[in-house]
Every structure is written in structure tokens, then in C-alpha cells.
N, C-alpha and C. Protein backbone atom coordinates (compact mmCIF):
# COMPACT_ATOMS: atom_id res chain seq x y z
N MET A 1 -0.35 -4.65 -6.03
CA MET A 1 -1.57 -4.61 -5.26
C MET A 1 -2.73 -5.25 -6.03
N ASP A 2 -2.85 -4.89 -7.28
CA ASP A 2 -3.94 -5.42 -8.09
C ASP A 2 -3.88 -6.94 -8.18
N VAL A 3 -2.67 -7.47 -8.29
CA VAL A 3 -2.52 -8.92 -8.37
C VAL A 3 -3.02 -9.58 -7.09
N ASN A 4 -2.71 -8.98 -5.97
CA ASN A 4 -3.18 -9.53 -4.69
C ASN A 4 -4.70 -9.51 -4.60
N ILE A 5 -5.31 -8.45 -5.08
CA ILE A 5 -6.77 -8.37 -5.06
C ILE A 5 -7.37 -9.46 -5.94
N ILE A 6 -6.80 -9.65 -7.11
CA ILE A 6 -7.31 -10.69 -8.01
C ILE A 6 -7.15 -12.06 -7.38
N ASN A 7 -5.97 -12.33 -6.83
CA ASN A 7 -5.75 -13.64 -6.21
C ASN A 7 -6.67 -13.86 -5.02
N SER A 8 -6.91 -12.82 -4.25
CA SER A 8 -7.83 -12.94 -3.11
C SER A 8 -9.25 -13.20 -3.58
N SER A 9 -9.63 -12.55 -4.66
CA SER A 9 -11.01 -12.73 -5.14
C SER A 9 -11.25 -14.14 -5.64
N ARG A 10 -10.21 -14.80 -6.09
CA ARG A 10 -10.36 -16.19 -6.55
C ARG A 10 -10.73 -17.11 -5.40
N ALA A 11 -10.22 -16.80 -4.23
CA ALA A 11 -10.49 -17.65 -3.06
C ALA A 11 -11.78 -17.25 -2.35
N PHE A 12 -12.33 -16.11 -2.72
CA PHE A 12 -13.53 -15.59 -2.06
C PHE A 12 -14.77 -16.33 -2.54
N ARG A 13 -15.58 -16.72 -1.61
CA ARG A 13 -16.85 -17.38 -1.94
C ARG A 13 -17.98 -16.56 -1.37
N ASN A 14 -18.66 -15.85 -2.22
CA ASN A 14 -19.76 -14.99 -1.80
C ASN A 14 -21.04 -15.80 -1.78
N ILE A 15 -21.51 -16.08 -0.59
CA ILE A 15 -22.72 -16.89 -0.44
C ILE A 15 -23.96 -16.14 -0.89
N SER A 16 -24.01 -14.84 -0.62
CA SER A 16 -25.22 -14.06 -0.93
C SER A 16 -25.34 -13.69 -2.40
N LYS A 17 -24.25 -13.70 -3.12
CA LYS A 17 -24.22 -13.32 -4.55
C LYS A 17 -24.60 -11.85 -4.78
N VAL A 18 -24.54 -11.05 -3.74
CA VAL A 18 -24.89 -9.64 -3.85
C VAL A 18 -23.62 -8.81 -3.96
N ASN A 19 -23.61 -7.89 -4.91
CA ASN A 19 -22.49 -6.97 -5.10
C ASN A 19 -21.14 -7.67 -5.23
N TYR A 20 -21.12 -8.77 -5.94
CA TYR A 20 -19.86 -9.48 -6.17
C TYR A 20 -19.50 -9.40 -7.64
N TYR A 21 -18.31 -8.96 -7.90
CA TYR A 21 -17.82 -8.87 -9.27
C TYR A 21 -16.62 -9.77 -9.42
N ASN A 22 -16.64 -10.59 -10.44
CA ASN A 22 -15.52 -11.47 -10.70
C ASN A 22 -14.39 -10.65 -11.32
N ILE A 23 -13.28 -10.62 -10.67
CA ILE A 23 -12.12 -9.87 -11.16
C ILE A 23 -11.19 -10.88 -11.81
N ASN A 24 -10.78 -10.62 -13.03
CA ASN A 24 -9.88 -11.56 -13.68
C ASN A 24 -8.64 -10.86 -14.22
N ASP A 25 -7.71 -11.68 -14.67
CA ASP A 25 -6.43 -11.16 -15.13
C ASP A 25 -6.57 -10.17 -16.29
N SER A 26 -7.53 -10.39 -17.17
CA SER A 26 -7.66 -9.51 -18.33
C SER A 26 -7.94 -8.07 -17.92
N LEU A 27 -8.66 -7.87 -16.81
CA LEU A 27 -8.90 -6.51 -16.32
C LEU A 27 -7.60 -5.87 -15.84
N LEU A 28 -6.78 -6.66 -15.18
CA LEU A 28 -5.47 -6.17 -14.72
C LEU A 28 -4.62 -5.77 -15.92
N PHE A 29 -4.56 -6.62 -16.93
CA PHE A 29 -3.75 -6.33 -18.11
C PHE A 29 -4.25 -5.09 -18.83
N LYS A 30 -5.55 -4.98 -18.96
CA LYS A 30 -6.14 -3.81 -19.64
C LYS A 30 -5.84 -2.53 -18.86
N LYS A 31 -6.01 -2.58 -17.55
CA LYS A 31 -5.78 -1.39 -16.72
C LYS A 31 -4.35 -0.88 -16.86
N HIS A 32 -3.40 -1.81 -16.88
CA HIS A 32 -1.99 -1.41 -16.91
C HIS A 32 -1.38 -1.46 -18.31
N LYS A 33 -2.22 -1.73 -19.30
CA LYS A 33 -1.81 -1.76 -20.71
C LYS A 33 -0.63 -2.71 -20.92
N ILE A 34 -0.81 -3.94 -20.43
CA ILE A 34 0.19 -4.99 -20.60
C ILE A 34 -0.51 -6.25 -21.09
N ASP A 35 0.28 -7.26 -21.40
CA ASP A 35 -0.28 -8.57 -21.73
C ASP A 35 0.33 -9.61 -20.79
N SER A 36 -0.06 -10.85 -20.97
CA SER A 36 0.40 -11.89 -20.04
C SER A 36 1.91 -12.11 -20.11
N LEU A 37 2.51 -11.93 -21.27
CA LEU A 37 3.96 -12.09 -21.39
C LEU A 37 4.69 -11.01 -20.61
N ILE A 38 4.28 -9.77 -20.77
CA ILE A 38 4.91 -8.67 -20.04
C ILE A 38 4.73 -8.87 -18.54
N PHE A 39 3.54 -9.29 -18.14
CA PHE A 39 3.30 -9.55 -16.73
C PHE A 39 4.23 -10.64 -16.21
N SER A 40 4.36 -11.72 -16.94
CA SER A 40 5.22 -12.83 -16.51
C SER A 40 6.68 -12.40 -16.41
N GLN A 41 7.13 -11.63 -17.38
CA GLN A 41 8.51 -11.14 -17.35
C GLN A 41 8.75 -10.22 -16.16
N SER A 42 7.82 -9.34 -15.92
CA SER A 42 7.93 -8.42 -14.79
C SER A 42 7.89 -9.18 -13.47
N ASN A 43 6.99 -10.12 -13.37
CA ASN A 43 6.88 -10.92 -12.16
C ASN A 43 8.16 -11.72 -11.91
N PHE A 44 8.73 -12.28 -12.95
CA PHE A 44 9.99 -13.01 -12.83
C PHE A 44 11.11 -12.08 -12.35
N TYR A 45 11.19 -10.91 -12.96
CA TYR A 45 12.23 -9.94 -12.60
C TYR A 45 12.15 -9.57 -11.12
N TYR A 46 10.97 -9.16 -10.67
CA TYR A 46 10.84 -8.73 -9.28
C TYR A 46 10.93 -9.90 -8.30
N SER A 47 10.51 -11.06 -8.70
CA SER A 47 10.64 -12.24 -7.83
C SER A 47 12.10 -12.62 -7.61
N SER A 48 12.93 -12.31 -8.58
CA SER A 48 14.36 -12.61 -8.44
C SER A 48 15.09 -11.53 -7.65
N LYS A 49 14.40 -10.47 -7.29
CA LYS A 49 14.97 -9.36 -6.51
C LYS A 49 14.07 -9.07 -5.31
N PRO A 50 14.10 -9.96 -4.31
CA PRO A 50 13.16 -9.83 -3.19
C PRO A 50 13.28 -8.53 -2.40
N LYS A 51 14.48 -7.98 -2.30
CA LYS A 51 14.62 -6.71 -1.56
C LYS A 51 13.90 -5.58 -2.29
N LEU A 52 14.01 -5.57 -3.59
CA LEU A 52 13.31 -4.57 -4.39
C LEU A 52 11.79 -4.76 -4.28
N TYR A 53 11.36 -6.01 -4.35
CA TYR A 53 9.94 -6.33 -4.21
C TYR A 53 9.42 -5.87 -2.85
N LEU A 54 10.19 -6.14 -1.80
CA LEU A 54 9.80 -5.73 -0.45
C LEU A 54 9.72 -4.21 -0.34
N ASN A 55 10.63 -3.52 -0.98
CA ASN A 55 10.62 -2.05 -0.98
C ASN A 55 9.34 -1.52 -1.63
N ILE A 56 8.93 -2.12 -2.72
CA ILE A 56 7.70 -1.72 -3.40
C ILE A 56 6.50 -1.93 -2.47
N TYR A 57 6.44 -3.08 -1.83
CA TYR A 57 5.33 -3.37 -0.92
C TYR A 57 5.34 -2.45 0.29
N SER A 58 6.52 -2.09 0.77
CA SER A 58 6.60 -1.17 1.91
C SER A 58 6.03 0.19 1.54
N LYS A 59 6.37 0.67 0.35
CA LYS A 59 5.83 1.95 -0.13
C LYS A 59 4.32 1.87 -0.30
N LEU A 60 3.86 0.76 -0.84
CA LEU A 60 2.42 0.57 -1.01
C LEU A 60 1.71 0.55 0.33
N GLU A 61 2.30 -0.12 1.30
CA GLU A 61 1.70 -0.19 2.62
C GLU A 61 1.57 1.21 3.24
N LYS A 62 2.57 2.05 3.04
CA LYS A 62 2.51 3.43 3.56
C LYS A 62 1.39 4.21 2.87
N LYS A 63 1.26 4.05 1.56
CA LYS A 63 0.19 4.74 0.83
C LYS A 63 -1.18 4.29 1.31
N LEU A 64 -1.34 2.99 1.49
CA LEU A 64 -2.63 2.47 1.95
C LEU A 64 -2.95 2.95 3.36
N LYS A 65 -1.94 3.07 4.20
CA LYS A 65 -2.16 3.57 5.56
C LYS A 65 -2.63 5.02 5.52
N LYS A 66 -2.04 5.83 4.63
CA LYS A 66 -2.47 7.23 4.50
C LYS A 66 -3.94 7.30 4.06
N ILE A 67 -4.30 6.47 3.10
CA ILE A 67 -5.68 6.44 2.63
C ILE A 67 -6.61 6.02 3.76
N LYS A 68 -6.24 4.96 4.45
CA LYS A 68 -7.04 4.47 5.58
C LYS A 68 -7.21 5.54 6.64
N ASP A 69 -6.11 6.21 6.99
CA ASP A 69 -6.16 7.26 8.01
C ASP A 69 -7.04 8.43 7.57
N SER A 70 -6.97 8.79 6.29
CA SER A 70 -7.79 9.91 5.82
C SER A 70 -9.27 9.54 5.82
N ILE A 71 -9.59 8.29 5.50
CA ILE A 71 -10.99 7.85 5.55
C ILE A 71 -11.47 7.84 6.99
N SER A 72 -10.65 7.31 7.88
CA SER A 72 -11.03 7.25 9.30
C SER A 72 -11.21 8.65 9.88
N ALA A 73 -10.39 9.59 9.44
CA ALA A 73 -10.46 10.96 9.97
C ALA A 73 -11.71 11.69 9.49
N THR A 74 -12.24 11.31 8.34
CA THR A 74 -13.39 12.02 7.79
C THR A 74 -14.72 11.30 7.98
N SER A 75 -14.69 10.17 8.67
CA SER A 75 -15.94 9.45 8.87
C SER A 75 -15.99 8.83 10.26
N ASP A 76 -17.16 8.34 10.59
CA ASP A 76 -17.34 7.68 11.87
C ASP A 76 -16.98 6.20 11.81
N VAL A 77 -16.65 5.73 10.62
CA VAL A 77 -16.33 4.32 10.44
C VAL A 77 -14.87 4.09 10.75
N LYS A 78 -14.60 3.09 11.58
CA LYS A 78 -13.23 2.74 11.90
C LYS A 78 -12.81 1.58 11.01
N ILE A 79 -11.72 1.77 10.30
CA ILE A 79 -11.21 0.74 9.39
C ILE A 79 -10.05 0.04 10.08
N GLU A 80 -10.13 -1.28 10.08
CA GLU A 80 -9.05 -2.05 10.72
C GLU A 80 -8.20 -2.74 9.71
């Protein structure tokens, strides 16, 4: 998930420059206590096992849906 956020932020162009934080790989590595070599090895491993990768994303999607539903249930804001 974190990798997707970082990759998305690279393509994001904030015109207003308000509340925008540049997210980079070093933050990801620090958060997960890894370095670029470990990340590359892990990425290679999971990329070579697409069914396993898909299973991880499916679980993540379920977790995100629970979070989204709980936020929607406790507020007037509808999240799409």
C-alpha cells in the first residue's frame, strides 16, 4: 500500500501548494525498517508470485473497506 501511495504522489501535481508533503522512498524504508536492497528483493519475490501478490492486495482491500465503512458510519461524509 505504501508503495502505491508513494508512486501516486510522484504523479500528483498540487497547483495550490497547500498541505502537500513530498513522500519519498526513504520514508517507506524507515517506516518498515528496510533498505533499498531488501525492498528490491521483496518486490522481485512477490512479483514472481502473482497469485500471492493478488492475495495480499485482496486482504488489503478488505481492510481498507472496513476502515472506509467505519468512517462513513461515524460521520456525515460519504467516502467513495
